[in-house]
PDB file of N, CA and C in Angstrom:
ATOM      1  N   MET A   1      42.484 -21.022 -27.435  1.00  0.00           N
ATOM      2  CA  MET A   1      41.886 -19.862 -28.012  1.00  0.00           C
ATOM      3  C   MET A   1      43.048 -19.143 -28.590  1.00  0.00           C
ATOM      4  N   PRO A   2      43.038 -18.512 -29.750  1.00  0.00           N
ATOM      5  CA  PRO A   2      43.963 -17.861 -30.304  1.00  0.00           C
ATOM      6  C   PRO A   2      44.040 -16.617 -29.606  1.00  0.00           C
ATOM      7  N   THR A   3      45.107 -15.868 -29.484  1.00  0.00           N
ATOM      8  CA  THR A   3      45.416 -14.855 -28.805  1.00  0.00           C
ATOM      9  C   THR A   3      45.114 -13.715 -29.466  1.00  0.00           C
ATOM     10  N   ASP A   4      44.818 -13.615 -31.078  1.00  0.00           N
ATOM     11  CA  ASP A   4      44.172 -12.592 -31.659  1.00  0.00           C
ATOM     12  C   ASP A   4      42.828 -12.511 -32.029  1.00  0.00           C
ATOM     13  N   GLU A   5      42.075 -13.631 -31.189  1.00  0.00           N
ATOM     14  CA  GLU A   5      40.764 -13.343 -31.291  1.00  0.00           C
ATOM     15  C   GLU A   5      39.967 -12.005 -30.861  1.00  0.00           C
ATOM     16  N   LEU A   6      39.134 -11.558 -31.318  1.00  0.00           N
ATOM     17  CA  LEU A   6      38.505 -10.339 -30.875  1.00  0.00           C
ATOM     18  C   LEU A   6      37.380 -10.768 -30.255  1.00  0.00           C
ATOM     19  N   ILE A   7      37.167 -10.069 -28.742  1.00  0.00           N
ATOM     20  CA  ILE A   7      35.809 -10.340 -28.195  1.00  0.00           C
ATOM     21  C   ILE A   7      35.122  -9.150 -27.916  1.00  0.00           C
ATOM     22  N   THR A   8      33.650  -9.198 -27.609  1.00  0.00           N
ATOM     23  CA  THR A   8      33.038  -8.157 -27.249  1.00  0.00           C
ATOM     24  C   THR A   8      32.810  -7.600 -25.661  1.00  0.00           C
ATOM     25  N   VAL A   9      32.305  -6.291 -25.692  1.00  0.00           N
ATOM     26  CA  VAL A   9      32.230  -5.880 -24.018  1.00  0.00           C
ATOM     27  C   VAL A   9      31.927  -6.961 -23.497  1.00  0.00           C
ATOM     28  N   GLU A  10      30.589  -7.525 -23.718  1.00  0.00           N
ATOM     29  CA  GLU A  10      29.526  -8.719 -23.265  1.00  0.00           C
ATOM     30  C   GLU A  10      30.335  -9.775 -22.972  1.00  0.00           C
ATOM     31  N   GLU A  11      31.407 -10.308 -23.913  1.00  0.00           N
ATOM     32  CA  GLU A  11      31.829 -11.293 -23.506  1.00  0.00           C
ATOM     33  C   GLU A  11      32.957 -11.436 -22.764  1.00  0.00           C
ATOM     34  N   ALA A  12      33.818 -10.039 -22.549  1.00  0.00           N
ATOM     35  CA  ALA A  12      34.870  -9.911 -21.550  1.00  0.00           C
ATOM     36  C   ALA A  12      34.192  -9.593 -20.133  1.00  0.00           C
ATOM     37  N   ALA A  13      32.813  -8.879 -20.382  1.00  0.00           N
ATOM     38  CA  ALA A  13      32.280  -8.826 -19.254  1.00  0.00           C
ATOM     39  C   ALA A  13      31.902 -10.384 -18.306  1.00  0.00           C
ATOM     40  N   ILE A  14      31.582 -11.170 -19.187  1.00  0.00           N
ATOM     41  CA  ILE A  14      31.402 -12.955 -18.698  1.00  0.00           C
ATOM     42  C   ILE A  14      32.609 -13.284 -18.294  1.00  0.00           C
ATOM     43  N   ILE A  15      33.758 -13.117 -18.884  1.00  0.00           N
ATOM     44  CA  ILE A  15      34.952 -13.549 -18.564  1.00  0.00           C
ATOM     45  C   ILE A  15      35.531 -13.210 -17.178  1.00  0.00           C
ATOM     46  N   LEU A  16      35.346 -11.910 -16.998  1.00  0.00           N
ATOM     47  CA  LEU A  16      35.732 -11.099 -16.006  1.00  0.00           C
ATOM     48  C   LEU A  16      34.940 -11.137 -14.748  1.00  0.00           C
ATOM     49  N   ASN A  17      33.619 -11.675 -15.152  1.00  0.00           N
ATOM     50  CA  ASN A  17      32.612 -11.768 -14.016  1.00  0.00           C
ATOM     51  C   ASN A  17      32.232 -10.515 -13.426  1.00  0.00           C
ATOM     52  N   VAL A  18      32.155  -9.434 -14.180  1.00  0.00           N
ATOM     53  CA  VAL A  18      31.682  -8.186 -14.016  1.00  0.00           C
ATOM     54  C   VAL A  18      30.456  -7.658 -15.284  1.00  0.00           C
ATOM     55  N   THR A  19      30.287  -6.388 -14.763  1.00  0.00           N
ATOM     56  CA  THR A  19      29.023  -5.836 -15.789  1.00  0.00           C
ATOM     57  C   THR A  19      29.488  -5.432 -17.182  1.00  0.00           C
ATOM     58  N   GLN A  20      28.901  -5.155 -17.955  1.00  0.00           N
ATOM     59  CA  GLN A  20      29.280  -4.331 -19.024  1.00  0.00           C
ATOM     60  C   GLN A  20      29.893  -2.806 -18.998  1.00  0.00           C
ATOM     61  N   TYR A  21      29.003  -2.533 -18.029  1.00  0.00           N
ATOM     62  CA  TYR A  21      29.571  -1.284 -17.757  1.00  0.00           C
ATOM     63  C   TYR A  21      30.829  -0.927 -17.191  1.00  0.00           C
ATOM     64  N   ILE A  22      31.296  -2.203 -16.072  1.00  0.00           N
ATOM     65  CA  ILE A  22      32.245  -2.042 -15.863  1.00  0.00           C
ATOM     66  C   ILE A  22      33.518  -2.253 -16.777  1.00  0.00           C
ATOM     67  N   VAL A  23      33.396  -3.168 -17.558  1.00  0.00           N
ATOM     68  CA  VAL A  23      34.095  -3.337 -18.603  1.00  0.00           C
ATOM     69  C   VAL A  23      34.255  -1.735 -19.540  1.00  0.00           C
ATOM     70  N   ARG A  24      33.441  -1.395 -19.539  1.00  0.00           N
ATOM     71  CA  ARG A  24      33.342   0.112 -20.293  1.00  0.00           C
ATOM     72  C   ARG A  24      34.121   1.041 -19.688  1.00  0.00           C
ATOM     73  N   LYS A  25      33.818   1.107 -18.272  1.00  0.00           N
ATOM     74  CA  LYS A  25      34.689   2.208 -17.415  1.00  0.00           C
ATOM     75  C   LYS A  25      36.135   1.561 -17.449  1.00  0.00           C
ATOM     76  N   TYR A  26      36.788   0.454 -17.346  1.00  0.00           N
ATOM     77  CA  TYR A  26      38.027   0.041 -17.461  1.00  0.00           C
ATOM     78  C   TYR A  26      38.530   0.475 -18.853  1.00  0.00           C
ATOM     79  N   ILE A  27      37.676   0.357 -19.972  1.00  0.00           N
ATOM     80  CA  ILE A  27      38.054   0.832 -21.311  1.00  0.00           C
ATOM     81  C   ILE A  27      38.486   2.344 -21.265  1.00  0.00           C
ATOM     82  N   ASN A  28      37.341   3.114 -20.728  1.00  0.00           N
ATOM     83  CA  ASN A  28      37.340   4.590 -20.630  1.00  0.00           C
ATOM     84  C   ASN A  28      38.402   5.023 -19.838  1.00  0.00           C
ATOM     85  N   ASP A  29      38.877   4.429 -18.665  1.00  0.00           N
ATOM     86  CA  ASP A  29      39.847   4.853 -17.647  1.00  0.00           C
ATOM     87  C   ASP A  29      41.197   4.298 -18.418  1.00  0.00           C
ATOM     88  N   LYS A  30      41.266   3.977 -19.552  1.00  0.00           N
ATOM     89  CA  LYS A  30      42.634   3.209 -20.234  1.00  0.00           C
ATOM     90  C   LYS A  30      43.287   2.432 -19.025  1.00  0.00           C
ATOM     91  N   GLN A  31      42.665   1.224 -18.665  1.00  0.00           N
ATOM     92  CA  GLN A  31      43.082   0.191 -17.764  1.00  0.00           C
ATOM     93  C   GLN A  31      42.960  -0.863 -19.040  1.00  0.00           C
ATOM     94  N   LEU A  32      41.889  -1.136 -20.097  1.00  0.00           N
ATOM     95  CA  LEU A  32      41.852  -2.154 -20.574  1.00  0.00           C
ATOM     96  C   LEU A  32      42.242  -1.624 -21.911  1.00  0.00           C
ATOM     97  N   ARG A  33      42.870  -2.013 -22.988  1.00  0.00           N
ATOM     98  CA  ARG A  33      43.011  -1.636 -24.288  1.00  0.00           C
ATOM     99  C   ARG A  33      41.956  -2.351 -25.091  1.00  0.00           C
ATOM    100  N   ALA A  34      41.046  -1.392 -26.038  1.00  0.00           N
ATOM    101  CA  ALA A  34      40.041  -2.069 -26.910  1.00  0.00           C
ATOM    102  C   ALA A  34      40.056  -1.053 -27.786  1.00  0.00           C
ATOM    103  N   PHE A  35      39.455  -1.293 -29.008  1.00  0.00           N
ATOM    104  CA  PHE A  35      39.074  -0.467 -30.006  1.00  0.00           C
ATOM    105  C   PHE A  35      37.666  -0.452 -30.562  1.00  0.00           C
ATOM    106  N   LYS A  36      37.152   0.799 -31.641  1.00  0.00           N
ATOM    107  CA  LYS A  36      36.166   0.537 -31.960  1.00  0.00           C
ATOM    108  C   LYS A  36      36.060   0.004 -33.106  1.00  0.00           C
ATOM    109  N   ILE A  37      34.920  -0.658 -33.772  1.00  0.00           N
ATOM    110  CA  ILE A  37      34.682  -1.000 -34.930  1.00  0.00           C
ATOM    111  C   ILE A  37      33.267  -0.613 -35.462  1.00  0.00           C
ATOM    112  N   GLY A  38      33.255  -0.059 -36.789  1.00  0.00           N
ATOM    113  CA  GLY A  38      31.842   0.200 -37.357  1.00  0.00           C
ATOM    114  C   GLY A  38      32.174   1.411 -37.571  1.00  0.00           C
ATOM    115  N   ASN A  39      31.181   2.146 -38.470  1.00  0.00           N
ATOM    116  CA  ASN A  39      31.059   3.544 -39.077  1.00  0.00           C
ATOM    117  C   ASN A  39      30.250   4.629 -38.281  1.00  0.00           C
ATOM    118  N   GLY A  40      29.554   4.177 -37.246  1.00  0.00           N
ATOM    119  CA  GLY A  40      28.629   5.196 -36.758  1.00  0.00           C
ATOM    120  C   GLY A  40      27.491   5.068 -37.561  1.00  0.00           C
ATOM    121  N   ASN A  41      27.206   4.596 -38.431  1.00  0.00           N
ATOM    122  CA  ASN A  41      25.783   4.668 -39.100  1.00  0.00           C
ATOM    123  C   ASN A  41      24.616   4.303 -38.383  1.00  0.00           C
ATOM    124  N   PRO A  42      23.721   5.173 -38.429  1.00  0.00           N
ATOM    125  CA  PRO A  42      22.688   4.802 -37.302  1.00  0.00           C
ATOM    126  C   PRO A  42      21.806   3.877 -37.547  1.00  0.00           C
ATOM    127  N   ASN A  43      22.131   3.164 -38.863  1.00  0.00           N
ATOM    128  CA  ASN A  43      21.075   2.203 -39.265  1.00  0.00           C
ATOM    129  C   ASN A  43      21.955   0.829 -38.994  1.00  0.00           C
ATOM    130  N   GLN A  44      23.502   0.871 -38.358  1.00  0.00           N
ATOM    131  CA  GLN A  44      23.998  -0.153 -37.850  1.00  0.00           C
ATOM    132  C   GLN A  44      24.047  -0.228 -36.764  1.00  0.00           C
ATOM    133  N   GLN A  45      23.795   0.665 -35.719  1.00  0.00           N
ATOM    134  CA  GLN A  45      23.424   0.859 -34.419  1.00  0.00           C
ATOM    135  C   GLN A  45      25.109   1.585 -33.830  1.00  0.00           C
ATOM    136  N   GLY A  46      25.679   2.161 -34.600  1.00  0.00           N
ATOM    137  CA  GLY A  46      27.045   2.961 -34.474  1.00  0.00           C
ATOM    138  C   GLY A  46      27.923   1.780 -34.309  1.00  0.00           C
ATOM    139  N   ARG A  47      28.835   2.288 -33.437  1.00  0.00           N
ATOM    140  CA  ARG A  47      30.247   1.954 -33.077  1.00  0.00           C
ATOM    141  C   ARG A  47      30.297   0.618 -32.186  1.00  0.00           C
ATOM    142  N   HIS A  48      31.160  -0.264 -32.107  1.00  0.00           N
ATOM    143  CA  HIS A  48      31.089  -0.999 -30.898  1.00  0.00           C
ATOM    144  C   HIS A  48      32.662  -1.354 -30.449  1.00  0.00           C
ATOM    145  N   TRP A  49      32.914  -1.631 -29.382  1.00  0.00           N
ATOM    146  CA  TRP A  49      34.103  -1.926 -28.757  1.00  0.00           C
ATOM    147  C   TRP A  49      34.477  -3.213 -29.089  1.00  0.00           C
ATOM    148  N   ARG A  50      35.697  -3.429 -29.141  1.00  0.00           N
ATOM    149  CA  ARG A  50      36.350  -4.995 -29.557  1.00  0.00           C
ATOM    150  C   ARG A  50      37.680  -4.870 -28.818  1.00  0.00           C
ATOM    151  N   ILE A  51      37.627  -6.146 -28.172  1.00  0.00           N
ATOM    152  CA  ILE A  51      38.981  -6.239 -27.273  1.00  0.00           C
ATOM    153  C   ILE A  51      39.802  -7.564 -27.681  1.00  0.00           C
ATOM    154  N   LYS A  52      41.014  -7.374 -27.771  1.00  0.00           N
ATOM    155  CA  LYS A  52      42.030  -8.723 -28.387  1.00  0.00           C
ATOM    156  C   LYS A  52      41.963  -9.614 -27.137  1.00  0.00           C
ATOM    157  N   ARG A  53      41.850 -10.906 -27.578  1.00  0.00           N
ATOM    158  CA  ARG A  53      41.865 -12.011 -26.511  1.00  0.00           C
ATOM    159  C   ARG A  53      43.145 -11.503 -25.328  1.00  0.00           C
ATOM    160  N   SER A  54      44.209 -11.302 -26.096  1.00  0.00           N
ATOM    161  CA  SER A  54      45.552 -11.121 -25.700  1.00  0.00           C
ATOM    162  C   SER A  54      45.303 -10.258 -24.733  1.00  0.00           C
ATOM    163  N   ASP A  55      44.920  -8.835 -24.932  1.00  0.00           N
ATOM    164  CA  ASP A  55      44.821  -7.828 -24.186  1.00  0.00           C
ATOM    165  C   ASP A  55      44.044  -8.000 -23.079  1.00  0.00           C
ATOM    166  N   LEU A  56      43.209  -8.886 -23.012  1.00  0.00           N
ATOM    167  CA  LEU A  56      42.070  -9.081 -21.748  1.00  0.00           C
ATOM    168  C   LEU A  56      42.912 -10.007 -21.076  1.00  0.00           C
ATOM    169  N   ASP A  57      43.710 -11.072 -21.532  1.00  0.00           N
ATOM    170  CA  ASP A  57      44.546 -11.870 -20.719  1.00  0.00           C
ATOM    171  C   ASP A  57      45.576 -11.302 -19.993  1.00  0.00           C
ATOM    172  N   ALA A  58      46.170 -10.192 -20.603  1.00  0.00           N
ATOM    173  CA  ALA A  58      47.342  -9.128 -19.768  1.00  0.00           C
ATOM    174  C   ALA A  58      46.367  -8.256 -18.940  1.00  0.00           C
ATOM    175  N   PHE A  59      45.598  -7.834 -19.030  1.00  0.00           N
ATOM    176  CA  PHE A  59      44.616  -7.182 -18.154  1.00  0.00           C
ATOM    177  C   PHE A  59      44.512  -8.052 -16.547  1.00  0.00           C
ATOM    178  N   VAL A  60      43.953  -9.271 -16.988  1.00  0.00           N
ATOM    179  CA  VAL A  60      44.036 -10.276 -16.072  1.00  0.00           C
ATOM    180  C   VAL A  60      44.926 -10.357 -15.108  1.00  0.00           C
ATOM    181  N   GLU A  61      46.082 -10.625 -16.043  1.00  0.00           N
ATOM    182  CA  GLU A  61      47.223 -10.991 -15.452  1.00  0.00           C
ATOM    183  C   GLU A  61      47.955  -9.981 -14.593  1.00  0.00           C
ATOM    184  N   HIS A  62      47.675  -8.867 -14.940  1.00  0.00           N
ATOM    185  CA  HIS A  62      48.293  -7.783 -14.525  1.00  0.00           C
ATOM    186  C   HIS A  62      47.439  -6.419 -14.029  1.00  0.00           C
ATOM    187  N   GLY A  63      46.212  -6.596 -14.205  1.00  0.00           N
ATOM    188  CA  GLY A  63      45.540  -5.611 -13.195  1.00  0.00           C
ATOM    189  C   GLY A  63      45.366  -4.645 -14.486  1.00  0.00           C
ATOM    190  N   SER A  64      45.914  -4.209 -15.553  1.00  0.00           N
ATOM    191  CA  SER A  64      45.972  -3.269 -16.409  1.00  0.00           C
ATOM    192  C   SER A  64      47.158  -3.671 -17.645  1.00  0.00           C
ATOM    193  N   ASN A  65      46.683  -3.499 -19.152  1.00  0.00           N
ATOM    194  CA  ASN A  65      47.686  -3.664 -19.842  1.00  0.00           C
ATOM    195  C   ASN A  65      48.005  -2.315 -20.557  1.00  0.00           C
ATOM    196  N   MET A  66      47.931  -1.022 -20.007  1.00  0.00           N
ATOM    197  CA  MET A  66      48.171   0.011 -20.737  1.00  0.00           C
ATOM    198  C   MET A  66      49.747   0.594 -20.040  1.00  0.00           C
ATOM    199  N   PRO A  67      50.450   0.801 -20.880  1.00  0.00           N
ATOM    200  CA  PRO A  67      51.702   1.674 -20.319  1.00  0.00           C
ATOM    201  C   PRO A  67      51.447   2.576 -19.370  1.00  0.00           C
ATOM    202  N   GLU A  68      52.542   2.727 -18.317  1.00  0.00           N
ATOM    203  CA  GLU A  68      52.519   3.713 -17.300  1.00  0.00           C
ATOM    204  C   GLU A  68      52.585   5.115 -17.954  1.00  0.00           C
ATOM    205  N   GLY A  69      51.683   5.979 -17.470  1.00  0.00           N
ATOM    206  CA  GLY A  69      51.654   7.347 -17.751  1.00  0.00           C
ATOM    207  C   GLY A  69      51.042   7.597 -18.812  1.00  0.00           C
ATOM    208  N   LYS A  70      50.181   6.670 -19.404  1.00  0.00           N
ATOM    209  CA  LYS A  70      49.081   6.715 -20.680  1.00  0.00           C
ATOM    210  C   LYS A  70      47.909   6.950 -19.998  1.00  0.00           C
TER     211      LYS A  70
END
């Protein structure tokens, strides 16, 4: 798999064997790096988190991929 592949919260949850809620908690707690895509248009169901596969791999390897103190 390419390391720059973007994955969804659902896909990350499957890979980590946790719920989508837990993945979002990791993101909100700044333990897992992610970014939002979309424009928030109600007709497009808002913005959605995406995670780089390389960031998820780093999270799995180290428990977090955010720099200390951030």
